[in-house]
């Protein structure tokens, strides 16, 4: 079992798989995960995210989730 498997929750690892089978790169100094995402023409492309980029992605997801909740609440108020 790797450090990643021991120290990162199954939920977080599951999201990394869902996003594109992301897992840590071999060199810890790079602070990156590697996976694949669909490219411009629908083909799989190797993709790297740094720890900084993962934090930016998390903040972006949180912002979108807040917006979705706010939109739904506004719609609920309009239904009254």
PDB file of N, CA and C in Angstrom:
ATOM      1  N   UNK A   1       0.848  -1.179   0.000  1.00  0.00           N
ATOM      2  CA  UNK A   1       0.000   0.000   0.000  1.00  0.00           C
ATOM      3  C   UNK A   1       0.895   1.244   0.000  1.00  0.00           C
ATOM      4  N   UNK A   2       0.587   2.188  -0.869  1.00  0.00           N
ATOM      5  CA  UNK A   2       1.392   3.407  -0.979  1.00  0.00           C
ATOM      6  C   UNK A   2       1.002   4.416   0.103  1.00  0.00           C
ATOM      7  N   UNK A   3       1.860   5.417   0.308  1.00  0.00           N
ATOM      8  CA  UNK A   3       1.541   6.506   1.231  1.00  0.00           C
ATOM      9  C   UNK A   3       0.236   7.183   0.819  1.00  0.00           C
ATOM     10  N   UNK A   4       0.054   7.372  -0.480  1.00  0.00           N
ATOM     11  CA  UNK A   4      -1.158   8.001  -1.006  1.00  0.00           C
ATOM     12  C   UNK A   4      -2.393   7.209  -0.568  1.00  0.00           C
ATOM     13  N   UNK A   5      -2.328   5.898  -0.675  1.00  0.00           N
ATOM     14  CA  UNK A   5      -3.457   5.049  -0.278  1.00  0.00           C
ATOM     15  C   UNK A   5      -3.667   5.061   1.233  1.00  0.00           C
ATOM     16  N   UNK A   6      -2.582   5.149   2.000  1.00  0.00           N
ATOM     17  CA  UNK A   6      -2.683   5.154   3.459  1.00  0.00           C
ATOM     18  C   UNK A   6      -3.137   6.503   4.013  1.00  0.00           C
ATOM     19  N   UNK A   7      -2.696   7.588   3.396  1.00  0.00           N
ATOM     20  CA  UNK A   7      -2.861   8.904   4.008  1.00  0.00           C
ATOM     21  C   UNK A   7      -3.952   9.770   3.380  1.00  0.00           C
ATOM     22  N   UNK A   8      -4.475   9.360   2.243  1.00  0.00           N
ATOM     23  CA  UNK A   8      -5.535  10.130   1.569  1.00  0.00           C
ATOM     24  C   UNK A   8      -6.814   9.303   1.616  1.00  0.00           C
ATOM     25  N   UNK A   9      -7.908   9.955   1.952  1.00  0.00           N
ATOM     26  CA  UNK A   9      -9.174   9.231   2.125  1.00  0.00           C
ATOM     27  C   UNK A   9      -9.624   8.558   0.834  1.00  0.00           C
ATOM     28  N   UNK A  10     -10.418   7.530   0.993  1.00  0.00           N
ATOM     29  CA  UNK A  10     -10.994   6.834  -0.159  1.00  0.00           C
ATOM     30  C   UNK A  10     -11.858   7.798  -0.974  1.00  0.00           C
ATOM     31  N   UNK A  11     -12.548   8.692  -0.289  1.00  0.00           N
ATOM     32  CA  UNK A  11     -13.382   9.671  -0.990  1.00  0.00           C
ATOM     33  C   UNK A  11     -12.530  10.565  -1.894  1.00  0.00           C
ATOM     34  N   UNK A  12     -11.439  11.094  -1.365  1.00  0.00           N
ATOM     35  CA  UNK A  12     -10.560  11.965  -2.165  1.00  0.00           C
ATOM     36  C   UNK A  12      -9.946  11.188  -3.323  1.00  0.00           C
ATOM     37  N   UNK A  13      -9.497   9.966  -3.056  1.00  0.00           N
ATOM     38  CA  UNK A  13      -8.930   9.151  -4.138  1.00  0.00           C
ATOM     39  C   UNK A  13      -9.986   8.834  -5.189  1.00  0.00           C
ATOM     40  N   UNK A  14     -11.219   8.618  -4.743  1.00  0.00           N
ATOM     41  CA  UNK A  14     -12.311   8.355  -5.678  1.00  0.00           C
ATOM     42  C   UNK A  14     -12.561   9.546  -6.597  1.00  0.00           C
ATOM     43  N   UNK A  15     -12.532  10.748  -6.037  1.00  0.00           N
ATOM     44  CA  UNK A  15     -12.707  11.939  -6.876  1.00  0.00           C
ATOM     45  C   UNK A  15     -11.543  12.100  -7.846  1.00  0.00           C
ATOM     46  N   UNK A  16     -10.342  11.774  -7.405  1.00  0.00           N
ATOM     47  CA  UNK A  16      -9.191  11.840  -8.317  1.00  0.00           C
ATOM     48  C   UNK A  16      -9.367  10.860  -9.476  1.00  0.00           C
ATOM     49  N   UNK A  17      -9.910   9.669  -9.187  1.00  0.00           N
ATOM     50  CA  UNK A  17     -10.184   8.693 -10.252  1.00  0.00           C
ATOM     51  C   UNK A  17     -11.253   9.231 -11.195  1.00  0.00           C
ATOM     52  N   UNK A  18     -12.311   9.798 -10.622  1.00  0.00           N
ATOM     53  CA  UNK A  18     -13.411  10.318 -11.428  1.00  0.00           C
ATOM     54  C   UNK A  18     -12.957  11.445 -12.343  1.00  0.00           C
ATOM     55  N   UNK A  19     -12.092  12.293 -11.854  1.00  0.00           N
ATOM     56  CA  UNK A  19     -11.600  13.421 -12.653  1.00  0.00           C
ATOM     57  C   UNK A  19     -10.707  12.986 -13.803  1.00  0.00           C
ATOM     58  N   UNK A  20     -10.087  11.829 -13.677  1.00  0.00           N
ATOM     59  CA  UNK A  20      -9.212  11.371 -14.769  1.00  0.00           C
ATOM     60  C   UNK A  20      -8.091  10.467 -14.300  1.00  0.00           C
ATOM     61  N   UNK A  21      -8.385   9.604 -13.332  1.00  0.00           N
ATOM     62  CA  UNK A  21      -7.383   8.673 -12.803  1.00  0.00           C
ATOM     63  C   UNK A  21      -6.113   9.383 -12.345  1.00  0.00           C
ATOM     64  N   UNK A  22      -6.277  10.473 -11.603  1.00  0.00           N
ATOM     65  CA  UNK A  22      -5.124  11.222 -11.108  1.00  0.00           C
ATOM     66  C   UNK A  22      -4.501  10.528  -9.914  1.00  0.00           C
ATOM     67  N   UNK A  23      -3.184  10.486  -9.911  1.00  0.00           N
ATOM     68  CA  UNK A  23      -2.411   9.950  -8.799  1.00  0.00           C
ATOM     69  C   UNK A  23      -1.092  10.713  -8.732  1.00  0.00           C
ATOM     70  N   UNK A  24      -0.405  10.641  -7.595  1.00  0.00           N
ATOM     71  CA  UNK A  24       0.815  11.420  -7.436  1.00  0.00           C
ATOM     72  C   UNK A  24       1.891  11.005  -8.440  1.00  0.00           C
ATOM     73  N   UNK A  25       2.659  11.990  -8.879  1.00  0.00           N
ATOM     74  CA  UNK A  25       3.814  11.678  -9.718  1.00  0.00           C
ATOM     75  C   UNK A  25       4.887  11.048  -8.847  1.00  0.00           C
ATOM     76  N   UNK A  26       5.883  10.460  -9.470  1.00  0.00           N
ATOM     77  CA  UNK A  26       6.917   9.727  -8.741  1.00  0.00           C
ATOM     78  C   UNK A  26       7.783  10.651  -7.880  1.00  0.00           C
ATOM     79  N   UNK A  27       8.108  11.831  -8.391  1.00  0.00           N
ATOM     80  CA  UNK A  27       9.000  12.744  -7.676  1.00  0.00           C
ATOM     81  C   UNK A  27       8.201  13.656  -6.741  1.00  0.00           C
ATOM     82  N   UNK A  28       8.345  13.485  -5.411  1.00  0.00           N
ATOM     83  CA  UNK A  28       7.589  14.304  -4.459  1.00  0.00           C
ATOM     84  C   UNK A  28       7.882  15.801  -4.584  1.00  0.00           C
ATOM     85  N   UNK A  29       9.074  16.156  -5.036  1.00  0.00           N
ATOM     86  CA  UNK A  29       9.448  17.569  -5.157  1.00  0.00           C
ATOM     87  C   UNK A  29       8.582  18.313  -6.162  1.00  0.00           C
ATOM     88  N   UNK A  30       7.979  17.594  -7.111  1.00  0.00           N
ATOM     89  CA  UNK A  30       7.147  18.243  -8.135  1.00  0.00           C
ATOM     90  C   UNK A  30       5.785  18.664  -7.594  1.00  0.00           C
ATOM     91  N   UNK A  31       5.345  18.026  -6.511  1.00  0.00           N
ATOM     92  CA  UNK A  31       4.039  18.338  -5.899  1.00  0.00           C
ATOM     93  C   UNK A  31       2.923  18.299  -6.935  1.00  0.00           C
ATOM     94  N   UNK A  32       2.874  17.213  -7.704  1.00  0.00           N
ATOM     95  CA  UNK A  32       1.902  17.088  -8.789  1.00  0.00           C
ATOM     96  C   UNK A  32       1.184  15.746  -8.764  1.00  0.00           C
ATOM     97  N   UNK A  33       0.000  15.779  -9.348  1.00  0.00           N
ATOM     98  CA  UNK A  33      -0.690  14.548  -9.698  1.00  0.00           C
ATOM     99  C   UNK A  33      -0.749  14.487 -11.215  1.00  0.00           C
ATOM    100  N   UNK A  34      -0.792  13.261 -11.715  1.00  0.00           N
ATOM    101  CA  UNK A  34      -0.869  13.054 -13.164  1.00  0.00           C
ATOM    102  C   UNK A  34      -2.082  12.198 -13.453  1.00  0.00           C
ATOM    103  N   UNK A  35      -2.787  12.555 -14.510  1.00  0.00           N
ATOM    104  CA  UNK A  35      -3.937  11.785 -14.954  1.00  0.00           C
ATOM    105  C   UNK A  35      -4.180  12.071 -16.416  1.00  0.00           C
ATOM    106  N   UNK A  36      -5.382  11.834 -16.859  1.00  0.00           N
ATOM    107  CA  UNK A  36      -5.704  12.159 -18.249  1.00  0.00           C
ATOM    108  C   UNK A  36      -7.098  12.751 -18.317  1.00  0.00           C
ATOM    109  N   UNK A  37      -7.217  13.708 -19.225  1.00  0.00           N
ATOM    110  CA  UNK A  37      -8.494  14.365 -19.465  1.00  0.00           C
ATOM    111  C   UNK A  37      -8.710  14.427 -20.965  1.00  0.00           C
ATOM    112  N   UNK A  38      -9.957  14.660 -21.355  1.00  0.00           N
ATOM    113  CA  UNK A  38     -10.249  14.756 -22.779  1.00  0.00           C
ATOM    114  C   UNK A  38      -9.658  16.032 -23.348  1.00  0.00           C
ATOM    115  N   UNK A  39      -8.981  15.881 -24.471  1.00  0.00           N
ATOM    116  CA  UNK A  39      -8.400  17.024 -25.149  1.00  0.00           C
ATOM    117  C   UNK A  39      -9.411  17.706 -26.047  1.00  0.00           C
ATOM    118  N   UNK A  40      -8.939  18.657 -26.791  1.00  0.00           N
ATOM    119  CA  UNK A  40      -9.779  19.477 -27.664  1.00  0.00           C
ATOM    120  C   UNK A  40     -10.561  18.640 -28.673  1.00  0.00           C
ATOM    121  N   UNK A  41      -9.981  17.548 -29.124  1.00  0.00           N
ATOM    122  CA  UNK A  41     -10.617  16.717 -30.153  1.00  0.00           C
ATOM    123  C   UNK A  41     -11.192  15.416 -29.591  1.00  0.00           C
ATOM    124  N   UNK A  42     -11.373  15.355 -28.268  1.00  0.00           N
ATOM    125  CA  UNK A  42     -11.978  14.196 -27.647  1.00  0.00           C
ATOM    126  C   UNK A  42     -11.034  13.057 -27.330  1.00  0.00           C
ATOM    127  N   UNK A  43      -9.742  13.276 -27.561  1.00  0.00           N
ATOM    128  CA  UNK A  43      -8.765  12.237 -27.247  1.00  0.00           C
ATOM    129  C   UNK A  43      -8.202  12.471 -25.843  1.00  0.00           C
ATOM    130  N   UNK A  44      -7.777  11.401 -25.202  1.00  0.00           N
ATOM    131  CA  UNK A  44      -7.217  11.503 -23.857  1.00  0.00           C
ATOM    132  C   UNK A  44      -5.834  12.141 -23.920  1.00  0.00           C
ATOM    133  N   UNK A  45      -5.617  13.106 -23.046  1.00  0.00           N
ATOM    134  CA  UNK A  45      -4.317  13.776 -22.964  1.00  0.00           C
ATOM    135  C   UNK A  45      -3.799  13.696 -21.542  1.00  0.00           C
ATOM    136  N   UNK A  46      -2.493  13.424 -21.409  1.00  0.00           N
ATOM    137  CA  UNK A  46      -1.855  13.438 -20.103  1.00  0.00           C
ATOM    138  C   UNK A  46      -1.994  14.834 -19.516  1.00  0.00           C
ATOM    139  N   UNK A  47      -2.416  14.893 -18.254  1.00  0.00           N
ATOM    140  CA  UNK A  47      -2.636  16.170 -17.589  1.00  0.00           C
ATOM    141  C   UNK A  47      -1.984  16.143 -16.221  1.00  0.00           C
ATOM    142  N   UNK A  48      -1.344  17.238 -15.873  1.00  0.00           N
ATOM    143  CA  UNK A  48      -0.700  17.377 -14.567  1.00  0.00           C
ATOM    144  C   UNK A  48      -1.346  18.543 -13.829  1.00  0.00           C
ATOM    145  N   UNK A  49      -1.593  18.364 -12.528  1.00  0.00           N
ATOM    146  CA  UNK A  49      -2.040  19.443 -11.663  1.00  0.00           C
ATOM    147  C   UNK A  49      -1.084  19.558 -10.490  1.00  0.00           C
ATOM    148  N   UNK A  50      -0.641  20.780 -10.225  1.00  0.00           N
ATOM    149  CA  UNK A  50       0.206  21.023  -9.056  1.00  0.00           C
ATOM    150  C   UNK A  50      -0.684  21.133  -7.818  1.00  0.00           C
ATOM    151  N   UNK A  51      -0.063  21.110  -6.650  1.00  0.00           N
ATOM    152  CA  UNK A  51      -0.836  21.269  -5.421  1.00  0.00           C
ATOM    153  C   UNK A  51      -1.556  22.623  -5.421  1.00  0.00           C
ATOM    154  N   UNK A  52      -0.929  23.654  -5.948  1.00  0.00           N
ATOM    155  CA  UNK A  52      -1.556  24.978  -6.048  1.00  0.00           C
ATOM    156  C   UNK A  52      -2.787  24.915  -6.956  1.00  0.00           C
ATOM    157  N   UNK A  53      -2.657  24.259  -8.085  1.00  0.00           N
ATOM    158  CA  UNK A  53      -3.787  24.155  -9.015  1.00  0.00           C
ATOM    159  C   UNK A  53      -4.933  23.341  -8.420  1.00  0.00           C
ATOM    160  N   UNK A  54      -4.614  22.299  -7.650  1.00  0.00           N
ATOM    161  CA  UNK A  54      -5.670  21.520  -6.997  1.00  0.00           C
ATOM    162  C   UNK A  54      -6.432  22.381  -5.994  1.00  0.00           C
ATOM    163  N   UNK A  55      -5.711  23.239  -5.267  1.00  0.00           N
ATOM    164  CA  UNK A  55      -6.385  24.140  -4.327  1.00  0.00           C
ATOM    165  C   UNK A  55      -7.267  25.140  -5.071  1.00  0.00           C
ATOM    166  N   UNK A  56      -6.793  25.643  -6.209  1.00  0.00           N
ATOM    167  CA  UNK A  56      -7.596  26.555  -7.020  1.00  0.00           C
ATOM    168  C   UNK A  56      -8.841  25.848  -7.553  1.00  0.00           C
ATOM    169  N   UNK A  57      -8.696  24.594  -7.964  1.00  0.00           N
ATOM    170  CA  UNK A  57      -9.834  23.804  -8.435  1.00  0.00           C
ATOM    171  C   UNK A  57     -10.846  23.606  -7.316  1.00  0.00           C
ATOM    172  N   UNK A  58     -10.362  23.295  -6.118  1.00  0.00           N
ATOM    173  CA  UNK A  58     -11.261  23.110  -4.973  1.00  0.00           C
ATOM    174  C   UNK A  58     -12.030  24.392  -4.680  1.00  0.00           C
ATOM    175  N   UNK A  59     -11.354  25.544  -4.718  1.00  0.00           N
ATOM    176  CA  UNK A  59     -12.023  26.823  -4.472  1.00  0.00           C
ATOM    177  C   UNK A  59     -13.055  27.105  -5.560  1.00  0.00           C
ATOM    178  N   UNK A  60     -12.727  26.793  -6.803  1.00  0.00           N
ATOM    179  CA  UNK A  60     -13.661  27.004  -7.914  1.00  0.00           C
ATOM    180  C   UNK A  60     -14.897  26.120  -7.745  1.00  0.00           C
ATOM    181  N   UNK A  61     -14.695  24.879  -7.358  1.00  0.00           N
ATOM    182  CA  UNK A  61     -15.827  23.961  -7.141  1.00  0.00           C
ATOM    183  C   UNK A  61     -16.713  24.459  -6.008  1.00  0.00           C
ATOM    184  N   UNK A  62     -16.115  24.951  -4.952  1.00  0.00           N
ATOM    185  CA  UNK A  62     -16.872  25.480  -3.823  1.00  0.00           C
ATOM    186  C   UNK A  62     -17.683  26.707  -4.240  1.00  0.00           C
ATOM    187  N   UNK A  63     -17.072  27.573  -5.050  1.00  0.00           N
ATOM    188  CA  UNK A  63     -17.780  28.760  -5.546  1.00  0.00           C
ATOM    189  C   UNK A  63     -18.986  28.370  -6.393  1.00  0.00           C
ATOM    190  N   UNK A  64     -18.812  27.404  -7.273  1.00  0.00           N
ATOM    191  CA  UNK A  64     -19.914  26.955  -8.132  1.00  0.00           C
ATOM    192  C   UNK A  64     -21.010  26.301  -7.285  1.00  0.00           C
ATOM    193  N   UNK A  65     -20.623  25.495  -6.302  1.00  0.00           N
ATOM    194  CA  UNK A  65     -21.609  24.857  -5.426  1.00  0.00           C
ATOM    195  C   UNK A  65     -22.419  25.909  -4.672  1.00  0.00           C
ATOM    196  N   UNK A  66     -21.741  26.954  -4.166  1.00  0.00           N
ATOM    197  CA  UNK A  66     -22.449  28.037  -3.470  1.00  0.00           C
ATOM    198  C   UNK A  66     -23.433  28.733  -4.412  1.00  0.00           C
ATOM    199  N   UNK A  67     -23.004  28.964  -5.652  1.00  0.00           N
ATOM    200  CA  UNK A  67     -23.870  29.613  -6.630  1.00  0.00           C
ATOM    201  C   UNK A  67     -25.101  28.759  -6.930  1.00  0.00           C
ATOM    202  N   UNK A  68     -24.890  27.448  -7.081  1.00  0.00           N
ATOM    203  CA  UNK A  68     -26.016  26.546  -7.346  1.00  0.00           C
ATOM    204  C   UNK A  68     -27.028  26.592  -6.204  1.00  0.00           C
ATOM    205  N   UNK A  69     -26.529  26.579  -4.952  1.00  0.00           N
ATOM    206  CA  UNK A  69     -27.415  26.648  -3.792  1.00  0.00           C
ATOM    207  C   UNK A  69     -28.173  27.973  -3.758  1.00  0.00           C
ATOM    208  N   UNK A  70     -27.466  29.062  -4.046  1.00  0.00           N
ATOM    209  CA  UNK A  70     -28.093  30.386  -4.041  1.00  0.00           C
ATOM    210  C   UNK A  70     -29.167  30.467  -5.127  1.00  0.00           C
ATOM    211  N   UNK A  71     -28.878  29.925  -6.309  1.00  0.00           N
ATOM    212  CA  UNK A  71     -29.849  29.931  -7.403  1.00  0.00           C
ATOM    213  C   UNK A  71     -31.084  29.126  -7.025  1.00  0.00           C
ATOM    214  N   UNK A  72     -30.882  27.959  -6.428  1.00  0.00           N
ATOM    215  CA  UNK A  72     -32.021  27.117  -6.038  1.00  0.00           C
ATOM    216  C   UNK A  72     -32.852  27.800  -4.955  1.00  0.00           C
ATOM    217  N   UNK A  73     -32.199  28.470  -4.002  1.00  0.00           N
ATOM    218  CA  UNK A  73     -32.922  29.166  -2.936  1.00  0.00           C
ATOM    219  C   UNK A  73     -33.740  30.307  -3.516  1.00  0.00           C
ATOM    220  N   UNK A  74     -33.180  31.023  -4.467  1.00  0.00           N
ATOM    221  CA  UNK A  74     -33.908  32.127  -5.101  1.00  0.00           C
ATOM    222  C   UNK A  74     -35.103  31.590  -5.873  1.00  0.00           C
ATOM    223  N   UNK A  75     -34.948  30.465  -6.525  1.00  0.00           N
ATOM    224  CA  UNK A  75     -36.046  29.855  -7.267  1.00  0.00           C
ATOM    225  C   UNK A  75     -37.145  29.397  -6.322  1.00  0.00           C
ATOM    226  N   UNK A  76     -36.747  28.833  -5.156  1.00  0.00           N
ATOM    227  CA  UNK A  76     -37.732  28.402  -4.159  1.00  0.00           C
ATOM    228  C   UNK A  76     -38.544  29.582  -3.645  1.00  0.00           C
ATOM    229  N   UNK A  77     -37.902  30.724  -3.451  1.00  0.00           N
ATOM    230  CA  UNK A  77     -38.603  31.920  -2.968  1.00  0.00           C
ATOM    231  C   UNK A  77     -39.600  32.408  -4.016  1.00  0.00           C
ATOM    232  N   UNK A  78     -39.261  32.246  -5.280  1.00  0.00           N
ATOM    233  CA  UNK A  78     -40.142  32.681  -6.361  1.00  0.00           C
ATOM    234  C   UNK A  78     -41.365  31.797  -6.509  1.00  0.00           C
ATOM    235  N   UNK A  79     -41.294  30.564  -5.972  1.00  0.00           N
ATOM    236  CA  UNK A  79     -42.411  29.621  -6.091  1.00  0.00           C
ATOM    237  C   UNK A  79     -43.487  29.876  -5.048  1.00  0.00           C
ATOM    238  N   UNK A  80     -43.189  30.711  -4.060  1.00  0.00           N
ATOM    239  CA  UNK A  80     -44.142  30.918  -2.953  1.00  0.00           C
ATOM    240  C   UNK A  80     -45.299  31.752  -3.387  1.00  0.00           C
TER     241      UNK A  80
END
